[in-house]
Amino acid sequence: MEKQTLAKGELVEELLARLCAGNAVLGAMHRGRGLVWGLTFDADHLAAAVCAAAFERGLLVETSGPRDEVVKLLPPLTATRDELAQGLDILADAVRACAVP
């Protein structure tokens, strides 16, 4: 289980790094380890908007932090690699939707 969790965490980190690189104009940054991750933006209000857009697309994520400035990602340990990739695709779509002025 530990090796699987580490491998899944590496996948999540890789996909979040791509998401952040593609949204550098928003100041998107990620941090975390294993299957506990946070996604932040230069504008604090974007985290709540991304969470709402993700929910509309069927993905449940929530905000965290003293100003609700972090999109908190806590996928279940039992999630498959395909499910993780699908969830992060939905998250990336939500970020793109919120990037439109």
N, C-alpha and C. Protein backbone atom coordinates (compact mmCIF):
# COMPACT_ATOMS: atom_id res chain seq x y z
N MET A 1 0.82 -1.20 0.00
CA MET A 1 0.00 0.00 0.00
C MET A 1 0.87 1.26 0.00
N GLU A 2 1.96 1.24 0.76
CA GLU A 2 2.82 2.42 0.84
C GLU A 2 3.44 2.74 -0.52
N LYS A 3 3.93 1.72 -1.22
CA LYS A 3 4.54 1.94 -2.53
C LYS A 3 3.51 2.48 -3.52
N GLN A 4 2.31 1.94 -3.47
CA GLN A 4 1.25 2.41 -4.37
C GLN A 4 0.90 3.86 -4.08
N THR A 5 0.83 4.21 -2.81
CA THR A 5 0.51 5.59 -2.44
C THR A 5 1.60 6.54 -2.91
N LEU A 6 2.85 6.14 -2.74
CA LEU A 6 3.96 6.98 -3.22
C LEU A 6 3.90 7.16 -4.73
N ALA A 7 3.63 6.09 -5.45
CA ALA A 7 3.54 6.17 -6.91
C ALA A 7 2.37 7.06 -7.34
N LYS A 8 1.25 6.93 -6.67
CA LYS A 8 0.09 7.78 -6.99
C LYS A 8 0.39 9.24 -6.66
N GLY A 9 1.11 9.46 -5.56
CA GLY A 9 1.50 10.82 -5.20
C GLY A 9 2.40 11.45 -6.25
N GLU A 10 3.30 10.65 -6.81
CA GLU A 10 4.18 11.15 -7.87
C GLU A 10 3.36 11.52 -9.11
N LEU A 11 2.35 10.73 -9.41
CA LEU A 11 1.48 11.04 -10.55
C LEU A 11 0.74 12.35 -10.31
N VAL A 12 0.18 12.50 -9.11
CA VAL A 12 -0.54 13.74 -8.79
C VAL A 12 0.40 14.94 -8.89
N GLU A 13 1.61 14.80 -8.35
CA GLU A 13 2.57 15.91 -8.43
C GLU A 13 2.89 16.26 -9.88
N GLU A 14 3.10 15.26 -10.71
CA GLU A 14 3.40 15.50 -12.12
C GLU A 14 2.24 16.23 -12.81
N LEU A 15 1.03 15.78 -12.57
CA LEU A 15 -0.13 16.39 -13.22
C LEU A 15 -0.39 17.80 -12.69
N LEU A 16 -0.19 18.01 -11.39
CA LEU A 16 -0.34 19.36 -10.85
C LEU A 16 0.75 20.30 -11.37
N ALA A 17 1.96 19.79 -11.55
CA ALA A 17 3.04 20.62 -12.10
C ALA A 17 2.67 21.09 -13.51
N ARG A 18 2.10 20.19 -14.30
CA ARG A 18 1.65 20.58 -15.65
C ARG A 18 0.54 21.62 -15.58
N LEU A 19 -0.41 21.39 -14.68
CA LEU A 19 -1.52 22.33 -14.52
C LEU A 19 -0.98 23.71 -14.16
N CYS A 20 -0.04 23.77 -13.23
CA CYS A 20 0.52 25.05 -12.80
C CYS A 20 1.33 25.71 -13.91
N ALA A 21 2.10 24.93 -14.64
CA ALA A 21 2.89 25.48 -15.74
C ALA A 21 1.98 26.07 -16.81
N GLY A 22 0.86 25.45 -17.05
CA GLY A 22 -0.08 25.94 -18.05
C GLY A 22 -0.91 27.12 -17.58
N ASN A 23 -0.82 27.43 -16.29
CA ASN A 23 -1.60 28.54 -15.73
C ASN A 23 -0.70 29.47 -14.93
N ALA A 24 0.52 29.64 -15.41
CA ALA A 24 1.49 30.50 -14.71
C ALA A 24 1.00 31.93 -14.61
N VAL A 25 0.21 32.38 -15.58
CA VAL A 25 -0.30 33.74 -15.56
C VAL A 25 -1.20 33.98 -14.34
N LEU A 26 -1.79 32.91 -13.80
CA LEU A 26 -2.63 33.02 -12.61
C LEU A 26 -1.81 32.90 -11.33
N GLY A 27 -0.52 32.64 -11.47
CA GLY A 27 0.32 32.41 -10.30
C GLY A 27 0.03 31.08 -9.65
N ALA A 28 -0.42 30.10 -10.43
CA ALA A 28 -0.76 28.79 -9.89
C ALA A 28 0.48 28.09 -9.34
N MET A 29 0.39 27.62 -8.10
CA MET A 29 1.48 26.88 -7.47
C MET A 29 0.88 25.70 -6.71
N HIS A 30 1.64 24.63 -6.62
CA HIS A 30 1.18 23.46 -5.87
C HIS A 30 2.22 23.07 -4.84
N ARG A 31 1.74 22.43 -3.78
CA ARG A 31 2.65 21.87 -2.79
C ARG A 31 1.94 20.73 -2.06
N GLY A 32 2.72 19.82 -1.57
CA GLY A 32 2.17 18.69 -0.84
C GLY A 32 3.06 17.48 -0.98
N ARG A 33 2.51 16.34 -0.58
CA ARG A 33 3.22 15.07 -0.74
C ARG A 33 2.22 13.93 -0.60
N GLY A 34 2.63 12.79 -1.13
CA GLY A 34 1.72 11.65 -1.08
C GLY A 34 0.43 11.99 -1.80
N LEU A 35 -0.68 11.82 -1.11
CA LEU A 35 -1.98 12.16 -1.70
C LEU A 35 -2.63 13.33 -0.97
N VAL A 36 -1.82 14.21 -0.40
CA VAL A 36 -2.32 15.44 0.23
C VAL A 36 -1.65 16.62 -0.47
N TRP A 37 -2.46 17.41 -1.20
CA TRP A 37 -1.92 18.49 -2.02
C TRP A 37 -2.75 19.74 -1.88
N GLY A 38 -2.11 20.87 -2.14
CA GLY A 38 -2.79 22.15 -2.18
C GLY A 38 -2.41 22.89 -3.45
N LEU A 39 -3.36 23.64 -3.97
CA LEU A 39 -3.17 24.43 -5.18
C LEU A 39 -3.54 25.87 -4.85
N THR A 40 -2.61 26.80 -5.07
CA THR A 40 -2.87 28.21 -4.77
C THR A 40 -2.71 29.06 -6.03
N PHE A 41 -3.24 30.27 -5.95
CA PHE A 41 -3.18 31.23 -7.05
C PHE A 41 -2.80 32.59 -6.48
N ASP A 42 -2.33 33.50 -7.35
CA ASP A 42 -2.00 34.85 -6.89
C ASP A 42 -3.21 35.55 -6.28
N ALA A 43 -4.37 35.39 -6.89
CA ALA A 43 -5.60 35.99 -6.38
C ALA A 43 -6.32 34.97 -5.51
N ASP A 44 -6.44 35.28 -4.21
CA ASP A 44 -7.02 34.34 -3.26
C ASP A 44 -8.43 33.87 -3.65
N HIS A 45 -9.21 34.76 -4.27
CA HIS A 45 -10.60 34.40 -4.59
C HIS A 45 -10.71 33.28 -5.62
N LEU A 46 -9.65 33.02 -6.36
CA LEU A 46 -9.71 31.99 -7.40
C LEU A 46 -9.90 30.59 -6.82
N ALA A 47 -9.41 30.33 -5.63
CA ALA A 47 -9.55 29.00 -5.04
C ALA A 47 -11.02 28.63 -4.90
N ALA A 48 -11.83 29.53 -4.37
CA ALA A 48 -13.26 29.25 -4.21
C ALA A 48 -13.94 29.10 -5.56
N ALA A 49 -13.55 29.92 -6.52
CA ALA A 49 -14.14 29.83 -7.86
C ALA A 49 -13.79 28.49 -8.51
N VAL A 50 -12.55 28.05 -8.35
CA VAL A 50 -12.13 26.77 -8.92
C VAL A 50 -12.88 25.62 -8.25
N CYS A 51 -13.05 25.68 -6.94
CA CYS A 51 -13.80 24.63 -6.24
C CYS A 51 -15.23 24.56 -6.74
N ALA A 52 -15.87 25.71 -6.94
CA ALA A 52 -17.25 25.74 -7.44
C ALA A 52 -17.32 25.19 -8.86
N ALA A 53 -16.38 25.58 -9.70
CA ALA A 53 -16.37 25.10 -11.09
C ALA A 53 -16.09 23.59 -11.13
N ALA A 54 -15.23 23.11 -10.26
CA ALA A 54 -14.94 21.67 -10.21
C ALA A 54 -16.19 20.91 -9.76
N PHE A 55 -16.91 21.44 -8.78
CA PHE A 55 -18.12 20.79 -8.29
C PHE A 55 -19.17 20.69 -9.40
N GLU A 56 -19.30 21.75 -10.19
CA GLU A 56 -20.24 21.74 -11.32
C GLU A 56 -19.88 20.64 -12.32
N ARG A 57 -18.61 20.25 -12.34
CA ARG A 57 -18.13 19.23 -13.28
C ARG A 57 -18.05 17.84 -12.64
N GLY A 58 -18.50 17.73 -11.38
CA GLY A 58 -18.55 16.43 -10.72
C GLY A 58 -17.38 16.08 -9.82
N LEU A 59 -16.52 17.06 -9.52
CA LEU A 59 -15.36 16.82 -8.66
C LEU A 59 -15.53 17.61 -7.37
N LEU A 60 -15.40 16.93 -6.25
CA LEU A 60 -15.55 17.57 -4.95
C LEU A 60 -14.18 17.90 -4.38
N VAL A 61 -13.86 19.18 -4.32
CA VAL A 61 -12.66 19.69 -3.66
C VAL A 61 -13.11 20.86 -2.80
N GLU A 62 -12.30 21.23 -1.84
CA GLU A 62 -12.69 22.33 -0.96
C GLU A 62 -11.51 23.27 -0.74
N THR A 63 -11.84 24.44 -0.20
CA THR A 63 -10.79 25.42 0.09
C THR A 63 -10.25 25.19 1.50
N SER A 64 -9.08 25.75 1.71
CA SER A 64 -8.41 25.66 3.00
C SER A 64 -7.54 26.90 3.14
N GLY A 65 -7.00 27.10 4.31
CA GLY A 65 -6.12 28.23 4.55
C GLY A 65 -6.83 29.35 5.27
N PRO A 66 -6.08 30.29 5.84
CA PRO A 66 -6.68 31.37 6.63
C PRO A 66 -7.59 32.29 5.81
N ARG A 67 -7.37 32.35 4.51
CA ARG A 67 -8.22 33.19 3.64
C ARG A 67 -8.93 32.33 2.59
N ASP A 68 -9.04 31.03 2.86
CA ASP A 68 -9.63 30.09 1.89
C ASP A 68 -8.94 30.23 0.53
N GLU A 69 -7.63 30.38 0.55
CA GLU A 69 -6.87 30.63 -0.67
C GLU A 69 -6.28 29.37 -1.30
N VAL A 70 -6.52 28.23 -0.70
CA VAL A 70 -5.94 26.97 -1.17
C VAL A 70 -7.04 26.02 -1.62
N VAL A 71 -6.87 25.42 -2.79
CA VAL A 71 -7.73 24.31 -3.21
C VAL A 71 -7.09 23.06 -2.62
N LYS A 72 -7.82 22.40 -1.74
CA LYS A 72 -7.29 21.24 -1.03
C LYS A 72 -7.66 19.97 -1.78
N LEU A 73 -6.65 19.15 -2.05
CA LEU A 73 -6.85 17.89 -2.76
C LEU A 73 -6.49 16.73 -1.83
N LEU A 74 -7.48 15.90 -1.54
CA LEU A 74 -7.27 14.74 -0.67
C LEU A 74 -7.95 13.52 -1.28
N PRO A 75 -7.42 12.99 -2.38
CA PRO A 75 -8.06 11.83 -2.99
C PRO A 75 -7.94 10.61 -2.08
N PRO A 76 -8.88 9.68 -2.19
CA PRO A 76 -8.80 8.47 -1.36
C PRO A 76 -7.59 7.61 -1.74
N LEU A 77 -7.06 6.92 -0.77
CA LEU A 77 -5.92 6.03 -1.02
C LEU A 77 -6.26 4.94 -2.02
N THR A 78 -7.54 4.61 -2.13
CA THR A 78 -7.97 3.53 -3.03
C THR A 78 -8.22 4.00 -4.46
N ALA A 79 -8.06 5.29 -4.72
CA ALA A 79 -8.27 5.80 -6.09
C ALA A 79 -7.25 5.17 -7.03
N THR A 80 -7.72 4.81 -8.22
CA THR A 80 -6.81 4.26 -9.23
C THR A 80 -6.07 5.40 -9.92
N ARG A 81 -5.04 5.05 -10.64
CA ARG A 81 -4.29 6.06 -11.41
C ARG A 81 -5.20 6.73 -12.43
N ASP A 82 -6.07 5.96 -13.06
CA ASP A 82 -7.00 6.53 -14.04
C ASP A 82 -7.97 7.50 -13.37
N GLU A 83 -8.45 7.15 -12.18
CA GLU A 83 -9.36 8.04 -11.46
C GLU A 83 -8.66 9.32 -11.04
N LEU A 84 -7.41 9.20 -10.61
CA LEU A 84 -6.64 10.40 -10.25
C LEU A 84 -6.45 11.30 -11.46
N ALA A 85 -6.08 10.71 -12.58
CA ALA A 85 -5.89 11.48 -13.81
C ALA A 85 -7.19 12.15 -14.24
N GLN A 86 -8.29 11.42 -14.15
CA GLN A 86 -9.59 11.99 -14.51
C GLN A 86 -9.94 13.16 -13.59
N GLY A 87 -9.73 13.00 -12.30
CA GLY A 87 -10.01 14.08 -11.36
C GLY A 87 -9.17 15.31 -11.63
N LEU A 88 -7.90 15.11 -11.94
CA LEU A 88 -7.03 16.25 -12.22
C LEU A 88 -7.34 16.88 -13.57
N ASP A 89 -7.84 16.11 -14.51
CA ASP A 89 -8.32 16.69 -15.77
C ASP A 89 -9.51 17.60 -15.50
N ILE A 90 -10.42 17.15 -14.64
CA ILE A 90 -11.58 17.97 -14.28
C ILE A 90 -11.11 19.24 -13.58
N LEU A 91 -10.15 19.10 -12.67
CA LEU A 91 -9.62 20.27 -11.97
C LEU A 91 -8.98 21.25 -12.94
N ALA A 92 -8.20 20.74 -13.90
CA ALA A 92 -7.57 21.61 -14.89
C ALA A 92 -8.62 22.34 -15.72
N ASP A 93 -9.69 21.66 -16.06
CA ASP A 93 -10.78 22.29 -16.80
C ASP A 93 -11.43 23.39 -15.97
N ALA A 94 -11.60 23.13 -14.68
CA ALA A 94 -12.18 24.14 -13.79
C ALA A 94 -11.27 25.36 -13.68
N VAL A 95 -9.97 25.14 -13.61
CA VAL A 95 -9.02 26.26 -13.55
C VAL A 95 -9.10 27.08 -14.83
N ARG A 96 -9.13 26.40 -15.97
CA ARG A 96 -9.24 27.12 -17.26
C ARG A 96 -10.52 27.95 -17.31
N ALA A 97 -11.61 27.39 -16.82
CA ALA A 97 -12.88 28.11 -16.83
C ALA A 97 -12.82 29.36 -15.96
N CYS A 98 -12.09 29.30 -14.88
CA CYS A 98 -11.99 30.44 -13.97
C CYS A 98 -10.96 31.46 -14.43
N ALA A 99 -10.11 31.08 -15.36
CA ALA A 99 -9.07 31.99 -15.86
C ALA A 99 -9.63 32.98 -16.86
N VAL A 100 -10.80 32.70 -17.38
CA VAL A 100 -11.42 33.59 -18.36
C VAL A 100 -11.93 34.82 -17.63
N PRO A 101 -11.53 36.03 -18.09
CA PRO A 101 -11.97 37.26 -17.39
C PRO A 101 -13.46 37.49 -17.48
